[in-house]
Amino acid sequence: MEHYTTLASLLLPRAWVTIGSFDGVHRGHQQLLRDFVAEARRYHAPAVVVTFYPHPVEVLGHRRDPFYLSTPEEKATLIAALGADVLITHPFDREVAQRSASDFMADLSAHLGLKRLWVGYDFALGRNREGDIPTLRRLGERLGYTVHVVEAYRLDGEIVSSSRIRRALAEGDVTLAARMLGRHYAVPGEVVRGDGRGRTIGFPTANLAVWPKRMLPAAGVYACFAEVEDDGRYAAVANIGVRPTFERQPVAPRVEAHLLDFRGDLYGRRLRLHFVARLRPERRFPSPQALAEQIARDIAAARRLLRRATPVLE
């Protein structure tokens, strides 16, 4: 797959195009993209995916908290795996937000030779979301493309969406999030030095420096798989939170993971935590010894859970 961050250098013939945020590339996105690519192949047309970074809700000030389910690089990897020929991660700023739908679609037509546009059932683009589906169809009559609308993807009767996944994560329900994603929710980062308190109670932890815009599951203790760069995958128990047993003053949430059966130095290495199940909320313990006893119980529970876990959920 070719990946571009601008339309300027592109000149394609008769492309099929789909546009969306695709944050997290969840099961609804996956179904749309698989079908879209298959149909483009039938007509020997390039399958082009257009997405945006930053996310429009960040630029327009609707969200300030960490909410991204994927980095632009992760999103590109997932979209490439679904067979797209070209990905355009279009920069989004206030100037782009003020562009009319007519101007934006004219640009796409000029650079991509747009012939077929695939969009979700609730899609709209352009200034004040003026480019809704009826408007896009009218523009297509003038610019020479047709519009195909994809219906919502449902799980247990409810629509799968990035917003719904965020709500599940905010409640610590990583199991539901995984079912909607089709894989365990994962958070990557670099292992950095902490204060070493885990080691003093017998459970050394890897402290993860995470992209500040990345959404974390709710505070608590989780059974995870830890994927270590250039090494392999380990069962792990991860804690997200403020470590109330040790911290008396407010601190920023931390991500720490104890890798089971791992021996070695992780400092400076990349690690990706795949969240399988929430074991319990974070809470204060009366002493480090009481905390250590609970961690031992958490580890036993995580081992049982992870023996049955699979990377992709049905």
C-alpha atoms as a PDB file:
ATOM      1  CA  MET A   1       0.000   0.000   0.000  1.00  0.00           C
ATOM      2  CA  GLU A   2       1.167   3.514  -0.816  1.00  0.00           C
ATOM      3  CA  HIS A   3       0.700   6.094   1.941  1.00  0.00           C
ATOM      4  CA  TYR A   4       0.453   9.830   1.294  1.00  0.00           C
ATOM      5  CA  THR A   5      -0.171  12.857   3.502  1.00  0.00           C
ATOM      6  CA  THR A   6      -1.291  15.163   0.705  1.00  0.00           C
ATOM      7  CA  LEU A   7      -3.276  15.010  -2.506  1.00  0.00           C
ATOM      8  CA  ALA A   8      -0.828  17.312  -4.275  1.00  0.00           C
ATOM      9  CA  SER A   9       1.409  14.637  -5.814  1.00  0.00           C
ATOM     10  CA  LEU A  10      -1.386  12.227  -6.733  1.00  0.00           C
ATOM     11  CA  LEU A  11      -2.987  11.774 -10.113  1.00  0.00           C
ATOM     12  CA  LEU A  12      -4.905   8.503 -10.332  1.00  0.00           C
ATOM     13  CA  PRO A  13      -7.301   7.167 -12.969  1.00  0.00           C
ATOM     14  CA  ARG A  14     -10.892   6.194 -12.103  1.00  0.00           C
ATOM     15  CA  ALA A  15     -10.320   5.522  -8.415  1.00  0.00           C
ATOM     16  CA  TRP A  16     -12.785   4.076  -5.961  1.00  0.00           C
ATOM     17  CA  VAL A  17     -12.613   6.074  -2.734  1.00  0.00           C
ATOM     18  CA  THR A  18     -13.857   5.684   0.821  1.00  0.00           C
ATOM     19  CA  ILE A  19     -13.561   8.472   3.390  1.00  0.00           C
ATOM     20  CA  GLY A  20     -13.723   8.308   7.167  1.00  0.00           C
ATOM     21  CA  SER A  21     -11.906   8.754  10.459  1.00  0.00           C
ATOM     22  CA  PHE A  22     -11.472   4.970  10.870  1.00  0.00           C
ATOM     23  CA  ASP A  23     -10.145   5.442  14.412  1.00  0.00           C
ATOM     24  CA  GLY A  24      -9.358   2.009  15.816  1.00  0.00           C
ATOM     25  CA  VAL A  25     -10.311   0.279  12.530  1.00  0.00           C
ATOM     26  CA  HIS A  26     -13.061  -1.664  14.326  1.00  0.00           C
ATOM     27  CA  ARG A  27     -15.188  -4.478  12.936  1.00  0.00           C
ATOM     28  CA  GLY A  28     -17.555  -2.103  11.165  1.00  0.00           C
ATOM     29  CA  HIS A  29     -14.614  -0.406   9.453  1.00  0.00           C
ATOM     30  CA  GLN A  30     -13.131  -3.788   8.626  1.00  0.00           C
ATOM     31  CA  GLN A  31     -16.325  -5.014   6.958  1.00  0.00           C
ATOM     32  CA  LEU A  32     -16.644  -1.807   4.939  1.00  0.00           C
ATOM     33  CA  LEU A  33     -13.008  -1.881   3.835  1.00  0.00           C
ATOM     34  CA  ARG A  34     -13.006  -5.579   2.886  1.00  0.00           C
ATOM     35  CA  ASP A  35     -16.134  -5.178   0.773  1.00  0.00           C
ATOM     36  CA  PHE A  36     -14.892  -1.910  -0.707  1.00  0.00           C
ATOM     37  CA  VAL A  37     -11.535  -3.399  -1.747  1.00  0.00           C
ATOM     38  CA  ALA A  38     -13.179  -6.532  -3.188  1.00  0.00           C
ATOM     39  CA  GLU A  39     -15.560  -4.474  -5.324  1.00  0.00           C
ATOM     40  CA  ALA A  40     -12.792  -2.148  -6.514  1.00  0.00           C
ATOM     41  CA  ARG A  41     -10.803  -5.231  -7.581  1.00  0.00           C
ATOM     42  CA  ARG A  42     -13.780  -6.509  -9.589  1.00  0.00           C
ATOM     43  CA  TYR A  43     -13.713  -3.293 -11.609  1.00  0.00           C
ATOM     44  CA  HIS A  44      -9.902  -3.149 -11.814  1.00  0.00           C
ATOM     45  CA  ALA A  45      -9.955   0.193  -9.998  1.00  0.00           C
ATOM     46  CA  PRO A  46      -7.495   1.481  -7.388  1.00  0.00           C
ATOM     47  CA  ALA A  47      -8.976   1.265  -3.867  1.00  0.00           C
ATOM     48  CA  VAL A  48      -8.176   4.560  -2.114  1.00  0.00           C
ATOM     49  CA  VAL A  49      -8.844   5.270   1.573  1.00  0.00           C
ATOM     50  CA  VAL A  50      -8.951   8.906   2.728  1.00  0.00           C
ATOM     51  CA  THR A  51      -8.699   9.650   6.433  1.00  0.00           C
ATOM     52  CA  PHE A  52      -7.674  12.623   8.554  1.00  0.00           C
ATOM     53  CA  TYR A  53      -5.176  13.578  11.235  1.00  0.00           C
ATOM     54  CA  PRO A  54      -5.675  15.244  13.625  1.00  0.00           C
ATOM     55  CA  HIS A  55      -9.191  13.953  14.201  1.00  0.00           C
ATOM     56  CA  PRO A  56     -11.753  16.693  13.408  1.00  0.00           C
ATOM     57  CA  VAL A  57     -13.194  16.626  16.943  1.00  0.00           C
ATOM     58  CA  GLU A  58      -9.761  17.518  18.326  1.00  0.00           C
ATOM     59  CA  VAL A  59      -9.260  20.468  15.973  1.00  0.00           C
ATOM     60  CA  LEU A  60     -12.765  21.815  16.455  1.00  0.00           C
ATOM     61  CA  GLY A  61     -12.388  21.685  20.234  1.00  0.00           C
ATOM     62  CA  HIS A  62     -15.045  19.102  20.979  1.00  0.00           C
ATOM     63  CA  ARG A  63     -12.603  16.849  22.884  1.00  0.00           C
ATOM     64  CA  ARG A  64      -9.572  17.653  25.000  1.00  0.00           C
ATOM     65  CA  ASP A  65      -9.152  14.359  26.822  1.00  0.00           C
ATOM     66  CA  PRO A  66      -7.075  11.478  25.396  1.00  0.00           C
ATOM     67  CA  PHE A  67      -9.466   9.654  23.054  1.00  0.00           C
ATOM     68  CA  TYR A  68      -7.561   8.161  20.108  1.00  0.00           C
ATOM     69  CA  LEU A  69      -7.953   4.394  19.706  1.00  0.00           C
ATOM     70  CA  SER A  70      -5.034   4.186  17.254  1.00  0.00           C
ATOM     71  CA  THR A  71      -2.069   6.250  16.144  1.00  0.00           C
ATOM     72  CA  PRO A  72      -1.903   7.271  12.471  1.00  0.00           C
ATOM     73  CA  GLU A  73       0.806   4.613  11.997  1.00  0.00           C
ATOM     74  CA  GLU A  74      -1.276   1.860  13.598  1.00  0.00           C
ATOM     75  CA  LYS A  75      -4.275   2.870  11.528  1.00  0.00           C
ATOM     76  CA  ALA A  76      -2.192   2.703   8.346  1.00  0.00           C
ATOM     77  CA  THR A  77      -0.936  -0.790   9.225  1.00  0.00           C
ATOM     78  CA  LEU A  78      -4.467  -2.059   9.859  1.00  0.00           C
ATOM     79  CA  ILE A  79      -5.835  -0.525   6.648  1.00  0.00           C
ATOM     80  CA  ALA A  80      -2.955  -1.945   4.614  1.00  0.00           C
ATOM     81  CA  ALA A  81      -3.737  -5.417   5.977  1.00  0.00           C
ATOM     82  CA  LEU A  82      -7.265  -5.094   4.573  1.00  0.00           C
ATOM     83  CA  GLY A  83      -5.930  -4.650   1.037  1.00  0.00           C
ATOM     84  CA  ALA A  84      -6.195  -0.947   0.241  1.00  0.00           C
ATOM     85  CA  ASP A  85      -3.979   0.242  -2.597  1.00  0.00           C
ATOM     86  CA  VAL A  86      -3.560   3.848  -1.405  1.00  0.00           C
ATOM     87  CA  LEU A  87      -4.055   5.565   1.946  1.00  0.00           C
ATOM     88  CA  ILE A  88      -4.204   9.338   2.193  1.00  0.00           C
ATOM     89  CA  THR A  89      -3.875  10.663   5.751  1.00  0.00           C
ATOM     90  CA  HIS A  90      -5.075  14.165   4.975  1.00  0.00           C
ATOM     91  CA  PRO A  91      -4.014  16.942   7.386  1.00  0.00           C
ATOM     92  CA  PHE A  92      -6.986  18.451   9.180  1.00  0.00           C
ATOM     93  CA  ASP A  93      -6.947  22.007  10.516  1.00  0.00           C
ATOM     94  CA  ARG A  94      -9.388  24.894  10.786  1.00  0.00           C
ATOM     95  CA  GLU A  95      -8.770  25.895   7.194  1.00  0.00           C
ATOM     96  CA  VAL A  96      -9.740  22.427   6.001  1.00  0.00           C
ATOM     97  CA  ALA A  97     -12.737  22.486   8.357  1.00  0.00           C
ATOM     98  CA  GLN A  98     -14.009  25.630   6.607  1.00  0.00           C
ATOM     99  CA  ARG A  99     -13.776  24.175   3.104  1.00  0.00           C
ATOM    100  CA  SER A 100     -17.050  23.513   1.352  1.00  0.00           C
ATOM    101  CA  ALA A 101     -18.020  19.966   0.512  1.00  0.00           C
ATOM    102  CA  SER A 102     -18.129  21.013  -3.143  1.00  0.00           C
ATOM    103  CA  ASP A 103     -14.499  22.204  -3.098  1.00  0.00           C
ATOM    104  CA  PHE A 104     -13.225  19.140  -1.261  1.00  0.00           C
ATOM    105  CA  MET A 105     -14.978  16.677  -3.571  1.00  0.00           C
ATOM    106  CA  ALA A 106     -13.770  18.612  -6.624  1.00  0.00           C
ATOM    107  CA  ASP A 107     -10.212  18.186  -5.331  1.00  0.00           C
ATOM    108  CA  LEU A 108     -10.700  14.459  -4.844  1.00  0.00           C
ATOM    109  CA  SER A 109     -12.134  14.146  -8.331  1.00  0.00           C
ATOM    110  CA  ALA A 110      -9.272  16.091  -9.901  1.00  0.00           C
ATOM    111  CA  HIS A 111      -6.508  14.101  -8.178  1.00  0.00           C
ATOM    112  CA  LEU A 112      -8.076  10.648  -7.960  1.00  0.00           C
ATOM    113  CA  GLY A 113     -10.334  10.496 -10.993  1.00  0.00           C
ATOM    114  CA  LEU A 114     -13.096   9.603  -8.525  1.00  0.00           C
ATOM    115  CA  LYS A 115     -15.680   7.227  -9.975  1.00  0.00           C
ATOM    116  CA  ARG A 116     -17.234   5.493  -6.970  1.00  0.00           C
ATOM    117  CA  LEU A 117     -17.512   6.836  -3.405  1.00  0.00           C
ATOM    118  CA  TRP A 118     -18.208   4.514  -0.459  1.00  0.00           C
ATOM    119  CA  VAL A 119     -19.342   6.091   2.807  1.00  0.00           C
ATOM    120  CA  GLY A 120     -20.983   5.053   6.059  1.00  0.00           C
ATOM    121  CA  TYR A 121     -24.684   5.592   6.680  1.00  0.00           C
ATOM    122  CA  ASP A 122     -24.120   8.693   8.867  1.00  0.00           C
ATOM    123  CA  PHE A 123     -21.253  10.247   6.900  1.00  0.00           C
ATOM    124  CA  ALA A 124     -20.909  13.963   6.212  1.00  0.00           C
ATOM    125  CA  LEU A 125     -17.992  16.264   5.398  1.00  0.00           C
ATOM    126  CA  GLY A 126     -17.235  19.895   4.695  1.00  0.00           C
ATOM    127  CA  ARG A 127     -18.053  23.110   6.497  1.00  0.00           C
ATOM    128  CA  ASN A 128     -20.736  22.505   9.150  1.00  0.00           C
ATOM    129  CA  ARG A 129     -21.038  18.919   7.833  1.00  0.00           C
ATOM    130  CA  GLU A 130     -22.910  20.279   4.826  1.00  0.00           C
ATOM    131  CA  GLY A 131     -21.733  17.406   2.645  1.00  0.00           C
ATOM    132  CA  ASP A 132     -24.283  14.832   3.762  1.00  0.00           C
ATOM    133  CA  ILE A 133     -25.208  11.860   1.598  1.00  0.00           C
ATOM    134  CA  PRO A 134     -27.906  13.611  -0.513  1.00  0.00           C
ATOM    135  CA  THR A 135     -25.463  16.489  -1.127  1.00  0.00           C
ATOM    136  CA  LEU A 136     -22.664  14.088  -2.091  1.00  0.00           C
ATOM    137  CA  ARG A 137     -24.981  12.379  -4.568  1.00  0.00           C
ATOM    138  CA  ARG A 138     -25.847  15.733  -6.174  1.00  0.00           C
ATOM    139  CA  LEU A 139     -22.176  16.648  -6.384  1.00  0.00           C
ATOM    140  CA  GLY A 140     -21.485  13.270  -7.943  1.00  0.00           C
ATOM    141  CA  GLU A 141     -23.895  14.000 -10.779  1.00  0.00           C
ATOM    142  CA  ARG A 142     -21.784  17.043 -11.632  1.00  0.00           C
ATOM    143  CA  LEU A 143     -18.330  15.562 -10.936  1.00  0.00           C
ATOM    144  CA  GLY A 144     -18.916  12.145 -12.463  1.00  0.00           C
ATOM    145  CA  TYR A 145     -18.984   9.758  -9.492  1.00  0.00           C
ATOM    146  CA  THR A 146     -21.655   7.624  -7.826  1.00  0.00           C
ATOM    147  CA  VAL A 147     -22.217   7.030  -4.108  1.00  0.00           C
ATOM    148  CA  HIS A 148     -22.581   3.722  -2.287  1.00  0.00           C
ATOM    149  CA  VAL A 149     -23.852   3.904   1.305  1.00  0.00           C
ATOM    150  CA  VAL A 150     -22.813   1.208   3.776  1.00  0.00           C
ATOM    151  CA  GLU A 151     -25.277   0.333   6.518  1.00  0.00           C
ATOM    152  CA  ALA A 152     -24.275   0.188  10.173  1.00  0.00           C
ATOM    153  CA  TYR A 153     -22.432  -2.881  11.454  1.00  0.00           C
ATOM    154  CA  ARG A 154     -24.161  -4.329  14.497  1.00  0.00           C
ATOM    155  CA  LEU A 155     -23.030  -6.554  17.338  1.00  0.00           C
ATOM    156  CA  ASP A 156     -25.733  -8.058  19.565  1.00  0.00           C
ATOM    157  CA  GLY A 157     -28.195  -5.721  17.884  1.00  0.00           C
ATOM    158  CA  GLU A 158     -26.244  -2.529  18.665  1.00  0.00           C
ATOM    159  CA  ILE A 159     -24.241  -0.397  16.254  1.00  0.00           C
ATOM    160  CA  VAL A 160     -20.455  -0.766  16.507  1.00  0.00           C
ATOM    161  CA  SER A 161     -18.728   2.614  16.553  1.00  0.00           C
ATOM    162  CA  SER A 162     -15.515   4.188  17.790  1.00  0.00           C
ATOM    163  CA  SER A 163     -17.590   6.191  20.293  1.00  0.00           C
ATOM    164  CA  ARG A 164     -19.129   3.029  21.715  1.00  0.00           C
ATOM    165  CA  ILE A 165     -15.674   1.460  22.050  1.00  0.00           C
ATOM    166  CA  ARG A 166     -14.487   4.535  23.932  1.00  0.00           C
ATOM    167  CA  ARG A 167     -17.441   4.236  26.312  1.00  0.00           C
ATOM    168  CA  ALA A 168     -16.607   0.591  26.969  1.00  0.00           C
ATOM    169  CA  LEU A 169     -12.968   1.435  27.701  1.00  0.00           C
ATOM    170  CA  ALA A 170     -14.018   4.280  30.008  1.00  0.00           C
ATOM    171  CA  GLU A 171     -15.955   1.686  32.012  1.00  0.00           C
ATOM    172  CA  GLY A 172     -13.039  -0.759  32.014  1.00  0.00           C
ATOM    173  CA  ASP A 173     -14.972  -3.202  29.817  1.00  0.00           C
ATOM    174  CA  VAL A 174     -12.048  -4.274  27.656  1.00  0.00           C
ATOM    175  CA  THR A 175     -13.890  -7.508  26.819  1.00  0.00           C
ATOM    176  CA  LEU A 176     -16.702  -5.637  25.048  1.00  0.00           C
ATOM    177  CA  ALA A 177     -14.164  -3.303  23.411  1.00  0.00           C
ATOM    178  CA  ALA A 178     -12.312  -6.344  22.064  1.00  0.00           C
ATOM    179  CA  ARG A 179     -15.484  -7.838  20.622  1.00  0.00           C
ATOM    180  CA  MET A 180     -16.175  -4.590  18.749  1.00  0.00           C
ATOM    181  CA  LEU A 181     -12.570  -4.256  17.560  1.00  0.00           C
ATOM    182  CA  GLY A 182     -12.161  -7.907  16.590  1.00  0.00           C
ATOM    183  CA  ARG A 183      -8.952  -7.966  18.635  1.00  0.00           C
ATOM    184  CA  HIS A 184      -7.822  -7.021  22.112  1.00  0.00           C
ATOM    185  CA  TYR A 185      -7.430  -3.293  22.650  1.00  0.00           C
ATOM    186  CA  ALA A 186      -3.697  -2.567  22.663  1.00  0.00           C
ATOM    187  CA  VAL A 187      -1.620   0.311  24.000  1.00  0.00           C
ATOM    188  CA  PRO A 188       2.008   0.685  22.866  1.00  0.00           C
ATOM    189  CA  GLY A 189       4.771   2.653  24.527  1.00  0.00           C
ATOM    190  CA  GLU A 190       8.392   2.806  25.559  1.00  0.00           C
ATOM    191  CA  VAL A 191       9.515   1.314  28.859  1.00  0.00           C
ATOM    192  CA  VAL A 192      10.911   4.078  31.071  1.00  0.00           C
ATOM    193  CA  ARG A 193      12.370   4.109  34.551  1.00  0.00           C
ATOM    194  CA  GLY A 194       9.967   4.413  37.465  1.00  0.00           C
ATOM    195  CA  ASP A 195      10.622   4.591  41.178  1.00  0.00           C
ATOM    196  CA  GLY A 196      11.274   0.854  41.561  1.00  0.00           C
ATOM    197  CA  ARG A 197       8.582   0.260  44.183  1.00  0.00           C
ATOM    198  CA  GLY A 198       7.263  -2.840  42.431  1.00  0.00           C
ATOM    199  CA  ARG A 199      10.641  -4.494  42.756  1.00  0.00           C
ATOM    200  CA  THR A 200      10.736  -3.824  46.513  1.00  0.00           C
ATOM    201  CA  ILE A 201       7.584  -5.934  47.048  1.00  0.00           C
ATOM    202  CA  GLY A 202       8.695  -8.707  44.703  1.00  0.00           C
ATOM    203  CA  PHE A 203       6.856  -7.720  41.530  1.00  0.00           C
ATOM    204  CA  PRO A 204       9.018  -5.537  39.239  1.00  0.00           C
ATOM    205  CA  THR A 205       6.993  -3.570  36.718  1.00  0.00           C
ATOM    206  CA  ALA A 206       7.635  -2.049  33.316  1.00  0.00           C
ATOM    207  CA  ASN A 207       6.512   1.587  33.340  1.00  0.00           C
ATOM    208  CA  LEU A 208       5.104   2.532  29.955  1.00  0.00           C
ATOM    209  CA  ALA A 209       5.413   6.013  28.414  1.00  0.00           C
ATOM    210  CA  VAL A 210       2.241   6.199  26.336  1.00  0.00           C
ATOM    211  CA  TRP A 211       1.273   8.704  23.621  1.00  0.00           C
ATOM    212  CA  PRO A 212      -0.572  11.399  25.624  1.00  0.00           C
ATOM    213  CA  LYS A 213      -3.511  11.419  23.190  1.00  0.00           C
ATOM    214  CA  ARG A 214      -4.062   7.650  23.476  1.00  0.00           C
ATOM    215  CA  MET A 215      -7.152   6.541  25.372  1.00  0.00           C
ATOM    216  CA  LEU A 216      -6.478   4.246  28.302  1.00  0.00           C
ATOM    217  CA  PRO A 217      -8.952   1.819  29.848  1.00  0.00           C
ATOM    218  CA  ALA A 218     -10.434   2.860  33.182  1.00  0.00           C
ATOM    219  CA  ALA A 219      -8.202   2.721  36.241  1.00  0.00           C
ATOM    220  CA  GLY A 220      -7.786  -0.822  37.461  1.00  0.00           C
ATOM    221  CA  VAL A 221      -5.856  -4.064  37.196  1.00  0.00           C
ATOM    222  CA  TYR A 222      -5.966  -6.056  33.959  1.00  0.00           C
ATOM    223  CA  ALA A 223      -4.900  -9.400  32.575  1.00  0.00           C
ATOM    224  CA  CYS A 224      -2.866  -8.639  29.447  1.00  0.00           C
ATOM    225  CA  PHE A 225      -0.525 -10.004  26.863  1.00  0.00           C
ATOM    226  CA  ALA A 226       2.658  -7.945  26.690  1.00  0.00           C
ATOM    227  CA  GLU A 227       4.300  -7.928  23.261  1.00  0.00           C
ATOM    228  CA  VAL A 228       7.971  -7.052  23.678  1.00  0.00           C
ATOM    229  CA  GLU A 229       9.880  -5.564  20.749  1.00  0.00           C
ATOM    230  CA  ASP A 230      12.246  -8.108  19.156  1.00  0.00           C
ATOM    231  CA  ASP A 231      11.369 -10.690  21.775  1.00  0.00           C
ATOM    232  CA  GLY A 232       7.916 -12.202  22.028  1.00  0.00           C
ATOM    233  CA  ARG A 233       4.644 -12.249  23.896  1.00  0.00           C
ATOM    234  CA  TYR A 234       4.292 -12.705  27.654  1.00  0.00           C
ATOM    235  CA  ALA A 235       1.373 -13.027  30.014  1.00  0.00           C
ATOM    236  CA  ALA A 236       1.171  -9.912  32.173  1.00  0.00           C
ATOM    237  CA  VAL A 237      -0.759  -8.116  34.876  1.00  0.00           C
ATOM    238  CA  ALA A 238      -1.083  -4.387  34.223  1.00  0.00           C
ATOM    239  CA  ASN A 239      -2.161  -1.569  36.498  1.00  0.00           C
ATOM    240  CA  ILE A 240      -3.585   1.697  35.228  1.00  0.00           C
ATOM    241  CA  GLY A 241      -4.012   4.407  37.795  1.00  0.00           C
ATOM    242  CA  VAL A 242      -2.458   6.546  40.469  1.00  0.00           C
ATOM    243  CA  ARG A 243      -1.102   3.844  42.867  1.00  0.00           C
ATOM    244  CA  PRO A 244      -3.096   4.939  45.937  1.00  0.00           C
ATOM    245  CA  THR A 245      -1.204   2.613  48.294  1.00  0.00           C
ATOM    246  CA  PHE A 246       1.961   4.668  47.743  1.00  0.00           C
ATOM    247  CA  GLU A 247       0.836   8.093  46.513  1.00  0.00           C
ATOM    248  CA  ARG A 248      -0.770  10.542  48.915  1.00  0.00           C
ATOM    249  CA  GLN A 249      -0.824  13.510  46.540  1.00  0.00           C
ATOM    250  CA  PRO A 250      -2.609  13.604  43.141  1.00  0.00           C
ATOM    251  CA  VAL A 251      -0.445  12.213  40.335  1.00  0.00           C
ATOM    252  CA  ALA A 252      -0.976  11.577  36.644  1.00  0.00           C
ATOM    253  CA  PRO A 253      -2.277   8.105  35.782  1.00  0.00           C
ATOM    254  CA  ARG A 254       0.466   5.558  35.080  1.00  0.00           C
ATOM    255  CA  VAL A 255       0.593   2.364  33.069  1.00  0.00           C
ATOM    256  CA  GLU A 256       2.667  -0.374  34.692  1.00  0.00           C
ATOM    257  CA  ALA A 257       2.929  -4.042  33.782  1.00  0.00           C
ATOM    258  CA  HIS A 258       4.421  -7.045  35.553  1.00  0.00           C
ATOM    259  CA  LEU A 259       5.435  -9.582  32.912  1.00  0.00           C
ATOM    260  CA  LEU A 260       5.022 -13.133  34.127  1.00  0.00           C
ATOM    261  CA  ASP A 261       8.017 -15.416  33.692  1.00  0.00           C
ATOM    262  CA  PHE A 262      10.102 -12.677  32.071  1.00  0.00           C
ATOM    263  CA  ARG A 263      13.764 -12.220  32.916  1.00  0.00           C
ATOM    264  CA  GLY A 264      15.753  -9.359  31.482  1.00  0.00           C
ATOM    265  CA  ASP A 265      16.036  -5.608  31.070  1.00  0.00           C
ATOM    266  CA  LEU A 266      13.182  -3.776  29.345  1.00  0.00           C
ATOM    267  CA  TYR A 267      14.337  -0.172  29.747  1.00  0.00           C
ATOM    268  CA  GLY A 268      14.225   1.738  26.477  1.00  0.00           C
ATOM    269  CA  ARG A 269      12.406  -1.029  24.613  1.00  0.00           C
ATOM    270  CA  ARG A 270       9.017  -0.823  22.940  1.00  0.00           C
ATOM    271  CA  LEU A 271       6.211  -2.791  24.526  1.00  0.00           C
ATOM    272  CA  ARG A 272       2.575  -3.229  23.531  1.00  0.00           C
ATOM    273  CA  LEU A 273      -0.037  -4.210  26.102  1.00  0.00           C
ATOM    274  CA  HIS A 274      -3.042  -6.155  24.805  1.00  0.00           C
ATOM    275  CA  PHE A 275      -5.870  -5.842  27.343  1.00  0.00           C
ATOM    276  CA  VAL A 276      -7.768  -9.107  27.772  1.00  0.00           C
ATOM    277  CA  ALA A 277      -9.877  -8.689  30.929  1.00  0.00           C
ATOM    278  CA  ARG A 278     -10.295  -6.388  33.904  1.00  0.00           C
ATOM    279  CA  LEU A 279      -9.474  -8.172  37.136  1.00  0.00           C
ATOM    280  CA  ARG A 280     -10.493  -5.500  39.640  1.00  0.00           C
ATOM    281  CA  PRO A 281     -10.648  -1.743  40.252  1.00  0.00           C
ATOM    282  CA  GLU A 282      -7.615   0.055  41.611  1.00  0.00           C
ATOM    283  CA  ARG A 283      -7.781   0.567  45.386  1.00  0.00           C
ATOM    284  CA  ARG A 284      -5.699   1.562  48.365  1.00  0.00           C
ATOM    285  CA  PHE A 285      -4.212  -1.209  50.547  1.00  0.00           C
ATOM    286  CA  PRO A 286      -3.297  -0.797  54.218  1.00  0.00           C
ATOM    287  CA  SER A 287       0.315  -1.829  53.611  1.00  0.00           C
ATOM    288  CA  PRO A 288       2.765  -2.864  50.863  1.00  0.00           C
ATOM    289  CA  GLN A 289       2.502  -6.426  52.198  1.00  0.00           C
ATOM    290  CA  ALA A 290      -1.263  -6.462  51.708  1.00  0.00           C
ATOM    291  CA  LEU A 291      -0.764  -5.111  48.188  1.00  0.00           C
ATOM    292  CA  ALA A 292       1.818  -7.833  47.440  1.00  0.00           C
ATOM    293  CA  GLU A 293      -0.621 -10.527  48.596  1.00  0.00           C
ATOM    294  CA  GLN A 294      -3.321  -9.108  46.304  1.00  0.00           C
ATOM    295  CA  ILE A 295      -0.915  -8.942  43.354  1.00  0.00           C
ATOM    296  CA  ALA A 296      -0.143 -12.637  43.862  1.00  0.00           C
ATOM    297  CA  ARG A 297      -3.890 -13.350  43.632  1.00  0.00           C
ATOM    298  CA  ASP A 298      -4.133 -11.131  40.532  1.00  0.00           C
ATOM    299  CA  ILE A 299      -1.329 -13.081  38.877  1.00  0.00           C
ATOM    300  CA  ALA A 300      -3.049 -16.405  39.570  1.00  0.00           C
ATOM    301  CA  ALA A 301      -6.310 -15.070  38.117  1.00  0.00           C
ATOM    302  CA  ALA A 302      -4.502 -13.659  35.062  1.00  0.00           C
ATOM    303  CA  ARG A 303      -2.798 -16.993  34.361  1.00  0.00           C
ATOM    304  CA  ARG A 304      -6.176 -18.749  34.349  1.00  0.00           C
ATOM    305  CA  LEU A 305      -7.747 -16.163  32.060  1.00  0.00           C
ATOM    306  CA  LEU A 306      -4.868 -15.877  29.623  1.00  0.00           C
ATOM    307  CA  ARG A 307      -4.586 -19.629  29.103  1.00  0.00           C
ATOM    308  CA  ARG A 308      -8.028 -19.448  27.462  1.00  0.00           C
ATOM    309  CA  ALA A 309      -7.568 -16.162  25.602  1.00  0.00           C
ATOM    310  CA  THR A 310      -7.214 -15.765  21.845  1.00  0.00           C
ATOM    311  CA  PRO A 311      -5.922 -12.709  19.927  1.00  0.00           C
ATOM    312  CA  VAL A 312      -9.063 -12.283  17.799  1.00  0.00           C
ATOM    313  CA  LEU A 313     -12.568 -12.421  19.211  1.00  0.00           C
ATOM    314  CA  GLU A 314     -15.610 -13.940  17.525  1.00  0.00           C
END
